[in-house]
Amino acid sequence: MKTTLKKYCVTYQVRMLTALILTGILSVGGGLTIIETATAGSTNFTTKTNNEVLAKNRLNRLPPQVANAVLRDVTRREGIKNNFLKITDYRQQTWNNGCLELPQPNEICTQALVPGWRVVASNNKQNWIYHTNDNGRSLRLASANTPTNLPESVKNAVLQAASQRLQLPTSGLTIIQAQQQTWNNGCLNLAGSDEFCTQALVDGWRVTVGAGGQTLVYHTNQTGSAIRLNEQASTIAD
């Protein structure tokens, strides 16, 4: 009887030990499964995120055919060899009409949104700004011979002023022309009625901004801290 009881106790202990070992293995296995699943999920998320970033970068990259079309047009117009030209700036744009917002006199433009690009080409001496459609088959010169040394502060001041006047974002505006000027007085040659102007020469800029068939002409000092709209020279829709 004692021998039988002893064998039963040993057998029971072995079974319990085996059960505990198996439970531990299953727990570890389950943990590994969870870790592996989490790791795989993290990898998939990272891969998806990277792919989205790459796709976005490809979408925002200037198509080669657009760049080539712009460079060919500058070469044709100016007789400058292509290898002396480069694209210095570009951004995606949606134009408000088939004329790419650069209509010719008496030209009738199709009233439709046209996805495209605003592209700046340069030979390090002067810039050429183009409006194009999305593949470069349609393009128009917005401005030529724009000095590359237009101060950024002047550019920003003019674009901000034009944006407020036209109620348009600065991204929808184009600097058509920029010329260095020396104004005859502190009012930048645009004195108001009964306004007293300091009688001193002021070096500055005459900058023309275009948007949707409208043009605004601004007089500025050298830094853009003083700026005035030349309404007589501007063409603004009522």
C-alpha atoms as a PDB file:
ATOM      1  CA  MET A   1       0.000   0.000   0.000  1.00  0.00           C
ATOM      2  CA  LYS A   2       2.814   2.359   0.924  1.00  0.00           C
ATOM      3  CA  THR A   3       4.678   1.457  -2.266  1.00  0.00           C
ATOM      4  CA  THR A   4       1.599   2.190  -4.386  1.00  0.00           C
ATOM      5  CA  LEU A   5       1.043   5.527  -2.662  1.00  0.00           C
ATOM      6  CA  LYS A   6       4.689   6.452  -3.165  1.00  0.00           C
ATOM      7  CA  LYS A   7       4.522   5.627  -6.898  1.00  0.00           C
ATOM      8  CA  TYR A   8       1.357   7.687  -7.206  1.00  0.00           C
ATOM      9  CA  CYS A   9       3.004  10.718  -5.579  1.00  0.00           C
ATOM     10  CA  VAL A  10       6.068  10.477  -7.833  1.00  0.00           C
ATOM     11  CA  THR A  11       3.870  10.093 -10.919  1.00  0.00           C
ATOM     12  CA  TYR A  12       1.735  13.070  -9.899  1.00  0.00           C
ATOM     13  CA  GLN A  13       4.835  15.238  -9.340  1.00  0.00           C
ATOM     14  CA  VAL A  14       6.240  14.298 -12.747  1.00  0.00           C
ATOM     15  CA  ARG A  15       2.948  15.139 -14.427  1.00  0.00           C
ATOM     16  CA  MET A  16       2.759  18.495 -12.651  1.00  0.00           C
ATOM     17  CA  LEU A  17       6.359  19.319 -13.570  1.00  0.00           C
ATOM     18  CA  THR A  18       5.714  18.376 -17.187  1.00  0.00           C
ATOM     19  CA  ALA A  19       2.589  20.505 -17.239  1.00  0.00           C
ATOM     20  CA  LEU A  20       4.476  23.508 -15.849  1.00  0.00           C
ATOM     21  CA  ILE A  21       7.268  23.105 -18.416  1.00  0.00           C
ATOM     22  CA  LEU A  22       4.802  22.863 -21.293  1.00  0.00           C
ATOM     23  CA  THR A  23       2.903  25.897 -20.010  1.00  0.00           C
ATOM     24  CA  GLY A  24       6.146  27.877 -19.883  1.00  0.00           C
ATOM     25  CA  ILE A  25       7.061  26.873 -23.415  1.00  0.00           C
ATOM     26  CA  LEU A  26       3.645  27.875 -24.698  1.00  0.00           C
ATOM     27  CA  SER A  27       3.869  31.209 -22.883  1.00  0.00           C
ATOM     28  CA  VAL A  28       7.280  31.931 -24.351  1.00  0.00           C
ATOM     29  CA  GLY A  29       6.053  30.862 -27.774  1.00  0.00           C
ATOM     30  CA  GLY A  30       3.039  33.146 -27.477  1.00  0.00           C
ATOM     31  CA  GLY A  31       5.280  36.002 -26.465  1.00  0.00           C
ATOM     32  CA  LEU A  32       7.519  35.401 -29.432  1.00  0.00           C
ATOM     33  CA  THR A  33       4.500  35.328 -31.702  1.00  0.00           C
ATOM     34  CA  ILE A  34       3.298  38.686 -30.346  1.00  0.00           C
ATOM     35  CA  ILE A  35       6.766  40.237 -30.701  1.00  0.00           C
ATOM     36  CA  GLU A  36       7.149  38.899 -34.226  1.00  0.00           C
ATOM     37  CA  THR A  37       3.698  40.209 -35.158  1.00  0.00           C
ATOM     38  CA  ALA A  38       4.456  43.649 -33.690  1.00  0.00           C
ATOM     39  CA  THR A  39       7.808  43.772 -35.466  1.00  0.00           C
ATOM     40  CA  ALA A  40       6.233  42.804 -38.773  1.00  0.00           C
ATOM     41  CA  GLY A  41       3.536  45.445 -38.292  1.00  0.00           C
ATOM     42  CA  SER A  42       6.157  48.103 -37.552  1.00  0.00           C
ATOM     43  CA  THR A  43       8.163  47.109 -40.644  1.00  0.00           C
ATOM     44  CA  ASN A  44       5.072  47.227 -42.827  1.00  0.00           C
ATOM     45  CA  PHE A  45       4.148  50.677 -41.450  1.00  0.00           C
ATOM     46  CA  THR A  46       7.675  52.014 -42.049  1.00  0.00           C
ATOM     47  CA  THR A  47       7.718  50.620 -45.583  1.00  0.00           C
ATOM     48  CA  LYS A  48       4.294  52.127 -46.312  1.00  0.00           C
ATOM     49  CA  THR A  49       5.372  55.518 -44.933  1.00  0.00           C
ATOM     50  CA  ASN A  50       8.596  55.522 -46.977  1.00  0.00           C
ATOM     51  CA  ASN A  51       6.677  54.591 -50.118  1.00  0.00           C
ATOM     52  CA  GLU A  52       4.207  57.424 -49.523  1.00  0.00           C
ATOM     53  CA  VAL A  53       7.070  59.918 -49.096  1.00  0.00           C
ATOM     54  CA  LEU A  54       8.776  58.682 -52.273  1.00  0.00           C
ATOM     55  CA  ALA A  55       5.511  58.872 -54.195  1.00  0.00           C
ATOM     56  CA  LYS A  56       4.918  62.426 -52.969  1.00  0.00           C
ATOM     57  CA  ASN A  57       8.457  63.450 -53.952  1.00  0.00           C
ATOM     58  CA  ARG A  58       7.967  61.965 -57.416  1.00  0.00           C
ATOM     59  CA  LEU A  59       4.678  63.820 -57.740  1.00  0.00           C
ATOM     60  CA  ASN A  60       6.270  67.166 -56.799  1.00  0.00           C
ATOM     61  CA  ARG A  61       9.327  66.677 -59.029  1.00  0.00           C
ATOM     62  CA  LEU A  62       9.487  68.695 -62.228  1.00  0.00           C
ATOM     63  CA  PRO A  63       8.980  66.334 -65.197  1.00  0.00           C
ATOM     64  CA  PRO A  64      12.050  66.221 -67.495  1.00  0.00           C
ATOM     65  CA  GLN A  65       9.919  67.020 -70.558  1.00  0.00           C
ATOM     66  CA  VAL A  66       8.750  70.271 -68.911  1.00  0.00           C
ATOM     67  CA  ALA A  67      12.306  71.293 -67.981  1.00  0.00           C
ATOM     68  CA  ASN A  68      13.545  70.506 -71.491  1.00  0.00           C
ATOM     69  CA  ALA A  69      10.702  72.452 -73.116  1.00  0.00           C
ATOM     70  CA  VAL A  70      11.512  75.541 -71.040  1.00  0.00           C
ATOM     71  CA  LEU A  71      15.259  75.354 -71.733  1.00  0.00           C
ATOM     72  CA  ARG A  72      14.649  74.867 -75.464  1.00  0.00           C
ATOM     73  CA  ASP A  73      12.397  77.930 -75.555  1.00  0.00           C
ATOM     74  CA  VAL A  74      14.971  80.131 -73.807  1.00  0.00           C
ATOM     75  CA  THR A  75      17.634  78.862 -76.224  1.00  0.00           C
ATOM     76  CA  ARG A  76      15.401  79.650 -79.197  1.00  0.00           C
ATOM     77  CA  ARG A  77      14.538  83.132 -77.943  1.00  0.00           C
ATOM     78  CA  GLU A  78      17.904  84.265 -76.625  1.00  0.00           C
ATOM     79  CA  GLY A  79      20.391  82.200 -78.618  1.00  0.00           C
ATOM     80  CA  ILE A  80      21.955  80.961 -75.379  1.00  0.00           C
ATOM     81  CA  LYS A  81      23.404  77.468 -75.476  1.00  0.00           C
ATOM     82  CA  ASN A  82      21.466  74.961 -73.450  1.00  0.00           C
ATOM     83  CA  ASN A  83      24.486  73.963 -71.363  1.00  0.00           C
ATOM     84  CA  PHE A  84      24.702  77.534 -69.998  1.00  0.00           C
ATOM     85  CA  LEU A  85      21.140  77.353 -68.687  1.00  0.00           C
ATOM     86  CA  LYS A  86      19.637  75.622 -65.674  1.00  0.00           C
ATOM     87  CA  ILE A  87      16.328  75.362 -63.866  1.00  0.00           C
ATOM     88  CA  THR A  88      16.691  77.273 -60.591  1.00  0.00           C
ATOM     89  CA  ASP A  89      13.149  77.096 -59.251  1.00  0.00           C
ATOM     90  CA  TYR A  90       9.833  75.419 -59.968  1.00  0.00           C
ATOM     91  CA  ARG A  91       6.516  74.694 -58.317  1.00  0.00           C
ATOM     92  CA  GLN A  92       3.249  73.047 -59.236  1.00  0.00           C
ATOM     93  CA  GLN A  93       0.492  75.457 -60.195  1.00  0.00           C
ATOM     94  CA  THR A  94      -3.106  75.284 -61.346  1.00  0.00           C
ATOM     95  CA  TRP A  95      -3.808  78.042 -63.857  1.00  0.00           C
ATOM     96  CA  ASN A  96      -7.263  79.574 -64.128  1.00  0.00           C
ATOM     97  CA  ASN A  97      -7.513  79.436 -67.925  1.00  0.00           C
ATOM     98  CA  GLY A  98      -6.142  77.889 -71.096  1.00  0.00           C
ATOM     99  CA  CYS A  99      -3.813  80.871 -71.597  1.00  0.00           C
ATOM    100  CA  LEU A 100      -1.982  79.827 -68.423  1.00  0.00           C
ATOM    101  CA  GLU A 101      -2.970  83.245 -66.998  1.00  0.00           C
ATOM    102  CA  LEU A 102      -0.816  84.981 -69.632  1.00  0.00           C
ATOM    103  CA  PRO A 103      -3.269  86.051 -72.355  1.00  0.00           C
ATOM    104  CA  GLN A 104      -2.140  87.964 -75.414  1.00  0.00           C
ATOM    105  CA  PRO A 105      -3.960  91.190 -76.366  1.00  0.00           C
ATOM    106  CA  ASN A 106      -7.495  90.407 -77.585  1.00  0.00           C
ATOM    107  CA  GLU A 107      -6.937  86.677 -77.002  1.00  0.00           C
ATOM    108  CA  ILE A 108      -9.898  84.595 -75.853  1.00  0.00           C
ATOM    109  CA  CYS A 109      -8.864  82.000 -73.271  1.00  0.00           C
ATOM    110  CA  THR A 110     -10.719  78.801 -72.478  1.00  0.00           C
ATOM    111  CA  GLN A 111     -12.142  79.094 -68.970  1.00  0.00           C
ATOM    112  CA  ALA A 112     -10.897  75.888 -67.398  1.00  0.00           C
ATOM    113  CA  LEU A 113      -8.450  74.952 -64.667  1.00  0.00           C
ATOM    114  CA  VAL A 114      -5.145  73.798 -66.136  1.00  0.00           C
ATOM    115  CA  PRO A 115      -2.697  71.855 -63.928  1.00  0.00           C
ATOM    116  CA  GLY A 116       0.886  72.805 -64.654  1.00  0.00           C
ATOM    117  CA  TRP A 117       4.107  74.358 -63.473  1.00  0.00           C
ATOM    118  CA  ARG A 118       5.742  77.716 -62.814  1.00  0.00           C
ATOM    119  CA  VAL A 119       9.376  77.307 -63.854  1.00  0.00           C
ATOM    120  CA  VAL A 120      12.369  79.647 -63.549  1.00  0.00           C
ATOM    121  CA  ALA A 121      15.349  79.202 -65.871  1.00  0.00           C
ATOM    122  CA  SER A 122      18.606  81.110 -65.404  1.00  0.00           C
ATOM    123  CA  ASN A 123      22.083  81.598 -66.826  1.00  0.00           C
ATOM    124  CA  ASN A 124      23.274  83.143 -63.521  1.00  0.00           C
ATOM    125  CA  LYS A 125      22.890  86.609 -65.018  1.00  0.00           C
ATOM    126  CA  GLN A 126      19.181  86.824 -65.658  1.00  0.00           C
ATOM    127  CA  ASN A 127      16.013  84.794 -65.148  1.00  0.00           C
ATOM    128  CA  TRP A 128      13.186  83.631 -67.387  1.00  0.00           C
ATOM    129  CA  ILE A 129       9.893  82.702 -65.737  1.00  0.00           C
ATOM    130  CA  TYR A 130       7.532  80.341 -67.554  1.00  0.00           C
ATOM    131  CA  HIS A 131       4.003  79.072 -67.086  1.00  0.00           C
ATOM    132  CA  THR A 132       3.451  75.581 -68.509  1.00  0.00           C
ATOM    133  CA  ASN A 133       0.837  72.846 -68.532  1.00  0.00           C
ATOM    134  CA  ASP A 134       1.586  69.535 -66.853  1.00  0.00           C
ATOM    135  CA  ASN A 135       3.671  68.077 -69.711  1.00  0.00           C
ATOM    136  CA  GLY A 136       5.354  71.185 -71.161  1.00  0.00           C
ATOM    137  CA  ARG A 137       3.594  71.023 -74.518  1.00  0.00           C
ATOM    138  CA  SER A 138       1.943  74.332 -73.724  1.00  0.00           C
ATOM    139  CA  LEU A 139       4.114  77.049 -72.232  1.00  0.00           C
ATOM    140  CA  ARG A 140       4.258  80.829 -72.059  1.00  0.00           C
ATOM    141  CA  LEU A 141       6.960  83.242 -71.030  1.00  0.00           C
ATOM    142  CA  ALA A 142       5.799  85.255 -68.039  1.00  0.00           C
ATOM    143  CA  SER A 143       8.857  87.462 -67.736  1.00  0.00           C
ATOM    144  CA  ALA A 144      12.289  87.788 -69.271  1.00  0.00           C
ATOM    145  CA  ASN A 145      15.490  89.461 -68.215  1.00  0.00           C
ATOM    146  CA  THR A 146      14.364  89.648 -64.612  1.00  0.00           C
ATOM    147  CA  PRO A 147      17.491  90.504 -62.597  1.00  0.00           C
ATOM    148  CA  THR A 148      18.730  87.672 -60.416  1.00  0.00           C
ATOM    149  CA  ASN A 149      19.808  90.173 -57.762  1.00  0.00           C
ATOM    150  CA  LEU A 150      16.314  91.295 -56.747  1.00  0.00           C
ATOM    151  CA  PRO A 151      16.604  91.276 -52.935  1.00  0.00           C
ATOM    152  CA  GLU A 152      14.507  88.627 -51.234  1.00  0.00           C
ATOM    153  CA  SER A 153      13.164  91.261 -48.840  1.00  0.00           C
ATOM    154  CA  VAL A 154      11.857  93.334 -51.773  1.00  0.00           C
ATOM    155  CA  LYS A 155      10.362  90.278 -53.459  1.00  0.00           C
ATOM    156  CA  ASN A 156       8.567  89.222 -50.266  1.00  0.00           C
ATOM    157  CA  ALA A 157       7.285  92.735 -49.542  1.00  0.00           C
ATOM    158  CA  VAL A 158       5.864  93.119 -53.052  1.00  0.00           C
ATOM    159  CA  LEU A 159       4.241  89.684 -53.075  1.00  0.00           C
ATOM    160  CA  GLN A 160       2.656  90.265 -49.665  1.00  0.00           C
ATOM    161  CA  ALA A 161       1.298  93.656 -50.735  1.00  0.00           C
ATOM    162  CA  ALA A 162      -0.098  92.225 -53.986  1.00  0.00           C
ATOM    163  CA  SER A 163      -1.581  89.254 -52.127  1.00  0.00           C
ATOM    164  CA  GLN A 164      -3.503  91.577 -49.799  1.00  0.00           C
ATOM    165  CA  ARG A 165      -4.643  93.820 -52.654  1.00  0.00           C
ATOM    166  CA  LEU A 166      -5.880  90.988 -54.886  1.00  0.00           C
ATOM    167  CA  GLN A 167      -6.973  88.627 -52.091  1.00  0.00           C
ATOM    168  CA  LEU A 168      -4.873  85.858 -53.592  1.00  0.00           C
ATOM    169  CA  PRO A 169      -2.184  83.609 -52.064  1.00  0.00           C
ATOM    170  CA  THR A 170       1.395  84.583 -52.886  1.00  0.00           C
ATOM    171  CA  SER A 171       1.804  81.193 -54.612  1.00  0.00           C
ATOM    172  CA  GLY A 172      -0.630  82.403 -57.269  1.00  0.00           C
ATOM    173  CA  LEU A 173       1.408  85.537 -58.056  1.00  0.00           C
ATOM    174  CA  THR A 174       4.253  86.001 -60.514  1.00  0.00           C
ATOM    175  CA  ILE A 175       6.897  88.712 -60.591  1.00  0.00           C
ATOM    176  CA  ILE A 176       6.779  89.667 -64.252  1.00  0.00           C
ATOM    177  CA  GLN A 177       9.436  92.348 -64.228  1.00  0.00           C
ATOM    178  CA  ALA A 178      11.876  93.969 -61.801  1.00  0.00           C
ATOM    179  CA  GLN A 179      13.957  97.015 -62.663  1.00  0.00           C
ATOM    180  CA  GLN A 180      16.349  98.994 -60.521  1.00  0.00           C
ATOM    181  CA  GLN A 181      15.304 102.628 -60.194  1.00  0.00           C
ATOM    182  CA  THR A 182      16.421 105.824 -58.515  1.00  0.00           C
ATOM    183  CA  TRP A 183      13.386 107.760 -57.278  1.00  0.00           C
ATOM    184  CA  ASN A 184      13.428 111.538 -57.012  1.00  0.00           C
ATOM    185  CA  ASN A 185      11.963 111.740 -53.522  1.00  0.00           C
ATOM    186  CA  GLY A 186      11.059 109.860 -50.366  1.00  0.00           C
ATOM    187  CA  CYS A 187       7.576 109.173 -51.719  1.00  0.00           C
ATOM    188  CA  LEU A 188       9.136 107.017 -54.453  1.00  0.00           C
ATOM    189  CA  ASN A 189       7.666 109.341 -57.119  1.00  0.00           C
ATOM    190  CA  LEU A 190       4.151 108.492 -55.914  1.00  0.00           C
ATOM    191  CA  ALA A 191       3.214 111.372 -53.651  1.00  0.00           C
ATOM    192  CA  GLY A 192      -0.359 111.631 -52.424  1.00  0.00           C
ATOM    193  CA  SER A 193      -2.343 114.844 -52.585  1.00  0.00           C
ATOM    194  CA  ASP A 194      -0.936 117.397 -50.124  1.00  0.00           C
ATOM    195  CA  GLU A 195       1.739 114.901 -49.038  1.00  0.00           C
ATOM    196  CA  PHE A 196       5.140 116.266 -48.110  1.00  0.00           C
ATOM    197  CA  CYS A 197       8.018 114.184 -49.519  1.00  0.00           C
ATOM    198  CA  THR A 198      11.655 114.400 -48.527  1.00  0.00           C
ATOM    199  CA  GLN A 199      13.614 115.767 -51.475  1.00  0.00           C
ATOM    200  CA  ALA A 200      16.373 113.186 -51.776  1.00  0.00           C
ATOM    201  CA  LEU A 201      17.280 110.531 -54.287  1.00  0.00           C
ATOM    202  CA  VAL A 202      16.161 107.052 -53.222  1.00  0.00           C
ATOM    203  CA  ASP A 203      17.617 103.938 -54.812  1.00  0.00           C
ATOM    204  CA  GLY A 204      15.086 101.160 -55.209  1.00  0.00           C
ATOM    205  CA  TRP A 205      13.050  98.958 -57.513  1.00  0.00           C
ATOM    206  CA  ARG A 206      10.083  99.062 -59.863  1.00  0.00           C
ATOM    207  CA  VAL A 207       8.448  95.632 -59.642  1.00  0.00           C
ATOM    208  CA  THR A 208       5.528  94.339 -61.695  1.00  0.00           C
ATOM    209  CA  VAL A 209       3.427  91.489 -60.329  1.00  0.00           C
ATOM    210  CA  GLY A 210       0.964  89.492 -62.455  1.00  0.00           C
ATOM    211  CA  ALA A 211      -1.996  87.266 -61.601  1.00  0.00           C
ATOM    212  CA  GLY A 212      -5.023  86.195 -63.611  1.00  0.00           C
ATOM    213  CA  GLY A 213      -4.640  88.848 -66.293  1.00  0.00           C
ATOM    214  CA  GLN A 214      -4.072  91.602 -63.721  1.00  0.00           C
ATOM    215  CA  THR A 215      -0.822  93.488 -63.184  1.00  0.00           C
ATOM    216  CA  LEU A 216       0.280  95.553 -60.209  1.00  0.00           C
ATOM    217  CA  VAL A 217       3.261  97.904 -60.406  1.00  0.00           C
ATOM    218  CA  TYR A 218       5.090  98.708 -57.182  1.00  0.00           C
ATOM    219  CA  HIS A 219       7.780 101.236 -56.332  1.00  0.00           C
ATOM    220  CA  THR A 220      10.076 100.252 -53.469  1.00  0.00           C
ATOM    221  CA  ASN A 221      13.266 101.345 -51.793  1.00  0.00           C
ATOM    222  CA  GLN A 222      16.320  99.067 -51.809  1.00  0.00           C
ATOM    223  CA  THR A 223      15.137  96.800 -48.997  1.00  0.00           C
ATOM    224  CA  GLY A 224      11.363  96.757 -49.508  1.00  0.00           C
ATOM    225  CA  SER A 225      10.719  98.527 -46.188  1.00  0.00           C
ATOM    226  CA  ALA A 226       9.085 101.335 -48.211  1.00  0.00           C
ATOM    227  CA  ILE A 227       6.627 100.266 -50.896  1.00  0.00           C
ATOM    228  CA  ARG A 228       3.908 102.020 -52.901  1.00  0.00           C
ATOM    229  CA  LEU A 229       1.462 100.871 -55.561  1.00  0.00           C
ATOM    230  CA  ASN A 230       1.535 102.738 -58.850  1.00  0.00           C
ATOM    231  CA  GLU A 231      -2.185 102.488 -59.564  1.00  0.00           C
ATOM    232  CA  GLN A 232      -1.961 104.412 -62.839  1.00  0.00           C
ATOM    233  CA  ALA A 233       0.525 101.926 -64.287  1.00  0.00           C
ATOM    234  CA  SER A 234      -1.358  98.907 -62.901  1.00  0.00           C
ATOM    235  CA  THR A 235      -4.189  96.965 -64.494  1.00  0.00           C
ATOM    236  CA  ILE A 236      -6.604  95.781 -61.816  1.00  0.00           C
ATOM    237  CA  ALA A 237     -10.008  94.211 -62.440  1.00  0.00           C
ATOM    238  CA  ASP A 238     -12.950  95.983 -60.832  1.00  0.00           C
END
